[in-house]
Amino acid sequence: MRVPYSLERPDIMKAGTQYRTIALGICQVETVPWDLQGNLSRLKQTLTQAAVLGVTYAITPECVLHGYADMQQPGSAALLGEQAR
């Protein structure tokens, strides 16, 4: 599908408007709570596979790096803060 650079400005969509093609990838990554290095490695593998398939932009799970860690467990907030540094 060809999408014009600006869908909000129909007044500038005239002859000669440039188009670009994008490929959007929605990625699912298996994660392990608090396994930052492992999760990062799996994320890199997934993004590499997406790039090989021609994906321009990839959407990943919001907590892919810390692996959806249970923040209710004692010490989780401190561990998250430590990992953020």
N, C-alpha and C. Protein backbone atom coordinates (compact mmCIF):
# COMPACT_ATOMS: atom_id res chain seq x y z
N MET A 1 0.84 -1.17 0.00
CA MET A 1 0.00 0.00 0.00
C MET A 1 0.89 1.23 0.00
N ARG A 2 0.58 2.19 -0.79
CA ARG A 2 1.33 3.44 -0.84
C ARG A 2 0.61 4.47 -0.01
N VAL A 3 1.33 5.06 0.93
CA VAL A 3 0.74 6.04 1.83
C VAL A 3 1.43 7.38 1.61
N PRO A 4 0.66 8.45 1.38
CA PRO A 4 1.30 9.75 1.21
C PRO A 4 1.94 10.22 2.50
N TYR A 5 2.99 11.03 2.37
CA TYR A 5 3.67 11.56 3.56
C TYR A 5 2.70 12.24 4.50
N SER A 6 1.72 12.92 4.00
CA SER A 6 0.79 13.64 4.85
C SER A 6 -0.64 13.30 4.47
N LEU A 7 -1.30 12.61 5.37
CA LEU A 7 -2.72 12.32 5.15
C LEU A 7 -3.58 13.42 5.74
N GLU A 8 -2.97 14.29 6.56
CA GLU A 8 -3.71 15.34 7.22
C GLU A 8 -3.79 16.62 6.39
N ARG A 9 -3.03 16.71 5.31
CA ARG A 9 -2.99 17.93 4.50
C ARG A 9 -3.36 17.60 3.06
N PRO A 10 -4.65 17.34 2.83
CA PRO A 10 -5.04 17.01 1.45
C PRO A 10 -4.74 18.12 0.47
N ASP A 11 -4.58 19.36 0.96
CA ASP A 11 -4.29 20.47 0.05
C ASP A 11 -2.90 20.35 -0.57
N ILE A 12 -1.98 19.58 0.06
CA ILE A 12 -0.65 19.44 -0.52
C ILE A 12 -0.50 18.14 -1.31
N MET A 13 -1.54 17.30 -1.30
CA MET A 13 -1.48 16.05 -2.05
C MET A 13 -1.91 16.33 -3.48
N LYS A 14 -0.97 16.58 -4.32
CA LYS A 14 -1.24 16.89 -5.71
C LYS A 14 -0.28 16.08 -6.58
N ALA A 15 -0.32 16.29 -7.84
CA ALA A 15 0.58 15.59 -8.75
C ALA A 15 2.01 15.79 -8.29
N GLY A 16 2.77 14.72 -8.27
CA GLY A 16 4.17 14.81 -7.87
C GLY A 16 4.39 14.54 -6.38
N THR A 17 3.31 14.30 -5.63
CA THR A 17 3.47 13.98 -4.22
C THR A 17 4.32 12.73 -4.09
N GLN A 18 5.29 12.79 -3.21
CA GLN A 18 6.16 11.64 -3.02
C GLN A 18 5.53 10.64 -2.06
N TYR A 19 5.76 9.39 -2.34
CA TYR A 19 5.25 8.30 -1.52
C TYR A 19 6.41 7.44 -1.07
N ARG A 20 6.21 6.78 0.01
CA ARG A 20 7.18 5.79 0.45
C ARG A 20 6.42 4.57 0.94
N THR A 21 7.04 3.44 0.82
CA THR A 21 6.44 2.20 1.27
C THR A 21 7.09 1.81 2.59
N ILE A 22 6.27 1.44 3.55
CA ILE A 22 6.80 0.95 4.82
C ILE A 22 6.25 -0.45 5.05
N ALA A 23 7.00 -1.22 5.80
CA ALA A 23 6.54 -2.54 6.21
C ALA A 23 6.55 -2.56 7.73
N LEU A 24 5.40 -2.76 8.32
CA LEU A 24 5.24 -2.74 9.76
C LEU A 24 5.25 -4.16 10.28
N GLY A 25 6.11 -4.42 11.26
CA GLY A 25 6.18 -5.75 11.86
C GLY A 25 5.75 -5.71 13.30
N ILE A 26 4.86 -6.60 13.67
CA ILE A 26 4.44 -6.73 15.07
C ILE A 26 5.13 -7.97 15.60
N CYS A 27 6.06 -7.74 16.53
CA CYS A 27 6.94 -8.81 17.00
C CYS A 27 6.50 -9.38 18.34
N GLN A 28 6.56 -10.67 18.44
CA GLN A 28 6.31 -11.36 19.70
C GLN A 28 7.64 -11.95 20.15
N VAL A 29 8.04 -11.64 21.38
CA VAL A 29 9.33 -12.09 21.89
C VAL A 29 9.10 -12.83 23.20
N GLU A 30 9.61 -14.06 23.28
CA GLU A 30 9.51 -14.80 24.54
C GLU A 30 10.47 -14.17 25.54
N THR A 31 9.97 -13.83 26.72
CA THR A 31 10.80 -13.18 27.73
C THR A 31 10.85 -14.00 29.01
N VAL A 32 11.89 -13.73 29.80
CA VAL A 32 12.06 -14.34 31.12
C VAL A 32 12.21 -13.18 32.11
N PRO A 33 11.41 -13.16 33.20
CA PRO A 33 11.51 -12.06 34.14
C PRO A 33 12.94 -11.83 34.64
N TRP A 34 13.38 -10.59 34.55
CA TRP A 34 14.68 -10.09 35.01
C TRP A 34 15.88 -10.63 34.23
N ASP A 35 15.67 -11.31 33.15
CA ASP A 35 16.80 -11.80 32.33
C ASP A 35 17.09 -10.78 31.25
N LEU A 36 17.65 -9.64 31.66
CA LEU A 36 17.86 -8.55 30.72
C LEU A 36 18.74 -8.94 29.55
N GLN A 37 19.84 -9.61 29.80
CA GLN A 37 20.75 -9.99 28.71
C GLN A 37 20.09 -11.00 27.77
N GLY A 38 19.42 -11.99 28.34
CA GLY A 38 18.73 -12.98 27.51
C GLY A 38 17.59 -12.37 26.72
N ASN A 39 16.81 -11.51 27.38
CA ASN A 39 15.70 -10.86 26.70
C ASN A 39 16.21 -9.94 25.59
N LEU A 40 17.30 -9.23 25.86
CA LEU A 40 17.88 -8.36 24.83
C LEU A 40 18.38 -9.19 23.65
N SER A 41 18.99 -10.31 23.94
CA SER A 41 19.49 -11.18 22.87
C SER A 41 18.34 -11.70 22.02
N ARG A 42 17.25 -12.14 22.66
CA ARG A 42 16.09 -12.63 21.90
C ARG A 42 15.44 -11.50 21.11
N LEU A 43 15.43 -10.29 21.68
CA LEU A 43 14.88 -9.14 20.97
C LEU A 43 15.72 -8.84 19.73
N LYS A 44 17.04 -8.85 19.87
CA LYS A 44 17.92 -8.60 18.72
C LYS A 44 17.70 -9.64 17.62
N GLN A 45 17.56 -10.90 18.02
CA GLN A 45 17.31 -11.97 17.04
C GLN A 45 15.99 -11.71 16.30
N THR A 46 14.98 -11.34 17.06
CA THR A 46 13.67 -11.08 16.46
C THR A 46 13.73 -9.90 15.50
N LEU A 47 14.42 -8.82 15.91
CA LEU A 47 14.52 -7.65 15.04
C LEU A 47 15.36 -7.94 13.80
N THR A 48 16.37 -8.78 13.94
CA THR A 48 17.17 -9.18 12.79
C THR A 48 16.32 -9.97 11.80
N GLN A 49 15.51 -10.90 12.32
CA GLN A 49 14.61 -11.66 11.45
C GLN A 49 13.61 -10.73 10.75
N ALA A 50 13.11 -9.76 11.48
CA ALA A 50 12.16 -8.81 10.90
C ALA A 50 12.83 -8.01 9.78
N ALA A 51 14.07 -7.58 10.01
CA ALA A 51 14.79 -6.82 8.99
C ALA A 51 15.01 -7.66 7.73
N VAL A 52 15.34 -8.92 7.91
CA VAL A 52 15.54 -9.81 6.77
C VAL A 52 14.25 -9.93 5.96
N LEU A 53 13.11 -9.88 6.65
CA LEU A 53 11.82 -9.97 5.97
C LEU A 53 11.39 -8.64 5.35
N GLY A 54 12.20 -7.59 5.56
CA GLY A 54 11.91 -6.30 4.96
C GLY A 54 11.12 -5.34 5.83
N VAL A 55 11.03 -5.62 7.12
CA VAL A 55 10.28 -4.76 8.03
C VAL A 55 11.01 -3.43 8.19
N THR A 56 10.26 -2.34 8.07
CA THR A 56 10.80 -0.99 8.23
C THR A 56 10.69 -0.54 9.67
N TYR A 57 9.54 -0.79 10.29
CA TYR A 57 9.27 -0.42 11.68
C TYR A 57 8.75 -1.65 12.41
N ALA A 58 9.30 -1.90 13.60
CA ALA A 58 8.89 -3.06 14.38
C ALA A 58 8.26 -2.61 15.70
N ILE A 59 7.15 -3.23 16.04
CA ILE A 59 6.48 -2.98 17.31
C ILE A 59 6.79 -4.18 18.20
N THR A 60 7.28 -3.88 19.41
CA THR A 60 7.63 -4.94 20.35
C THR A 60 6.80 -4.80 21.62
N PRO A 61 6.74 -5.85 22.43
CA PRO A 61 6.01 -5.73 23.69
C PRO A 61 6.62 -4.64 24.58
N GLU A 62 5.79 -3.98 25.37
CA GLU A 62 6.25 -2.84 26.15
C GLU A 62 7.24 -3.23 27.24
N CYS A 63 7.22 -4.43 27.73
CA CYS A 63 8.10 -4.83 28.84
C CYS A 63 9.09 -5.91 28.40
N VAL A 64 9.48 -5.86 27.14
CA VAL A 64 10.32 -6.91 26.57
C VAL A 64 11.67 -7.04 27.27
N LEU A 65 12.24 -5.95 27.77
CA LEU A 65 13.57 -6.03 28.37
C LEU A 65 13.57 -6.67 29.74
N HIS A 66 12.66 -6.25 30.62
CA HIS A 66 12.68 -6.87 31.95
C HIS A 66 11.75 -8.08 32.04
N GLY A 67 11.07 -8.39 30.99
CA GLY A 67 10.34 -9.65 30.91
C GLY A 67 9.07 -9.72 31.73
N TYR A 68 8.35 -8.62 31.86
CA TYR A 68 7.09 -8.61 32.61
C TYR A 68 7.29 -9.13 34.02
N ALA A 69 8.30 -8.61 34.67
CA ALA A 69 8.61 -9.04 36.04
C ALA A 69 7.46 -8.69 36.98
N ASP A 70 7.25 -9.53 37.94
CA ASP A 70 6.20 -9.33 38.94
C ASP A 70 6.64 -8.26 39.92
N MET A 71 6.06 -7.09 39.80
CA MET A 71 6.45 -5.97 40.65
C MET A 71 5.91 -6.10 42.07
N GLN A 72 5.09 -7.10 42.33
CA GLN A 72 4.55 -7.31 43.68
C GLN A 72 5.52 -8.09 44.56
N GLN A 73 6.52 -8.72 43.96
CA GLN A 73 7.49 -9.47 44.75
C GLN A 73 8.42 -8.51 45.47
N PRO A 74 8.80 -8.84 46.72
CA PRO A 74 9.71 -7.97 47.47
C PRO A 74 11.02 -7.75 46.70
N GLY A 75 11.48 -6.52 46.67
CA GLY A 75 12.73 -6.20 46.04
C GLY A 75 12.63 -5.89 44.55
N SER A 76 11.46 -6.08 43.97
CA SER A 76 11.31 -5.87 42.51
C SER A 76 11.51 -4.41 42.13
N ALA A 77 10.96 -3.50 42.91
CA ALA A 77 11.10 -2.06 42.58
C ALA A 77 12.57 -1.65 42.61
N ALA A 78 13.31 -2.13 43.62
CA ALA A 78 14.74 -1.80 43.70
C ALA A 78 15.49 -2.41 42.52
N LEU A 79 15.16 -3.63 42.15
CA LEU A 79 15.83 -4.30 41.03
C LEU A 79 15.53 -3.57 39.72
N LEU A 80 14.30 -3.12 39.55
CA LEU A 80 13.96 -2.38 38.34
C LEU A 80 14.76 -1.06 38.27
N GLY A 81 14.85 -0.37 39.41
CA GLY A 81 15.63 0.86 39.46
C GLY A 81 17.09 0.62 39.15
N GLU A 82 17.63 -0.48 39.67
CA GLU A 82 19.05 -0.83 39.41
C GLU A 82 19.25 -1.12 37.94
N GLN A 83 18.32 -1.83 37.32
CA GLN A 83 18.45 -2.18 35.91
C GLN A 83 18.32 -0.95 35.02
N ALA A 84 17.54 0.03 35.47
CA ALA A 84 17.34 1.25 34.69
C ALA A 84 18.60 2.09 34.61
N ARG A 85 19.45 1.98 35.62
CA ARG A 85 20.69 2.75 35.60
C ARG A 85 21.61 2.17 34.59
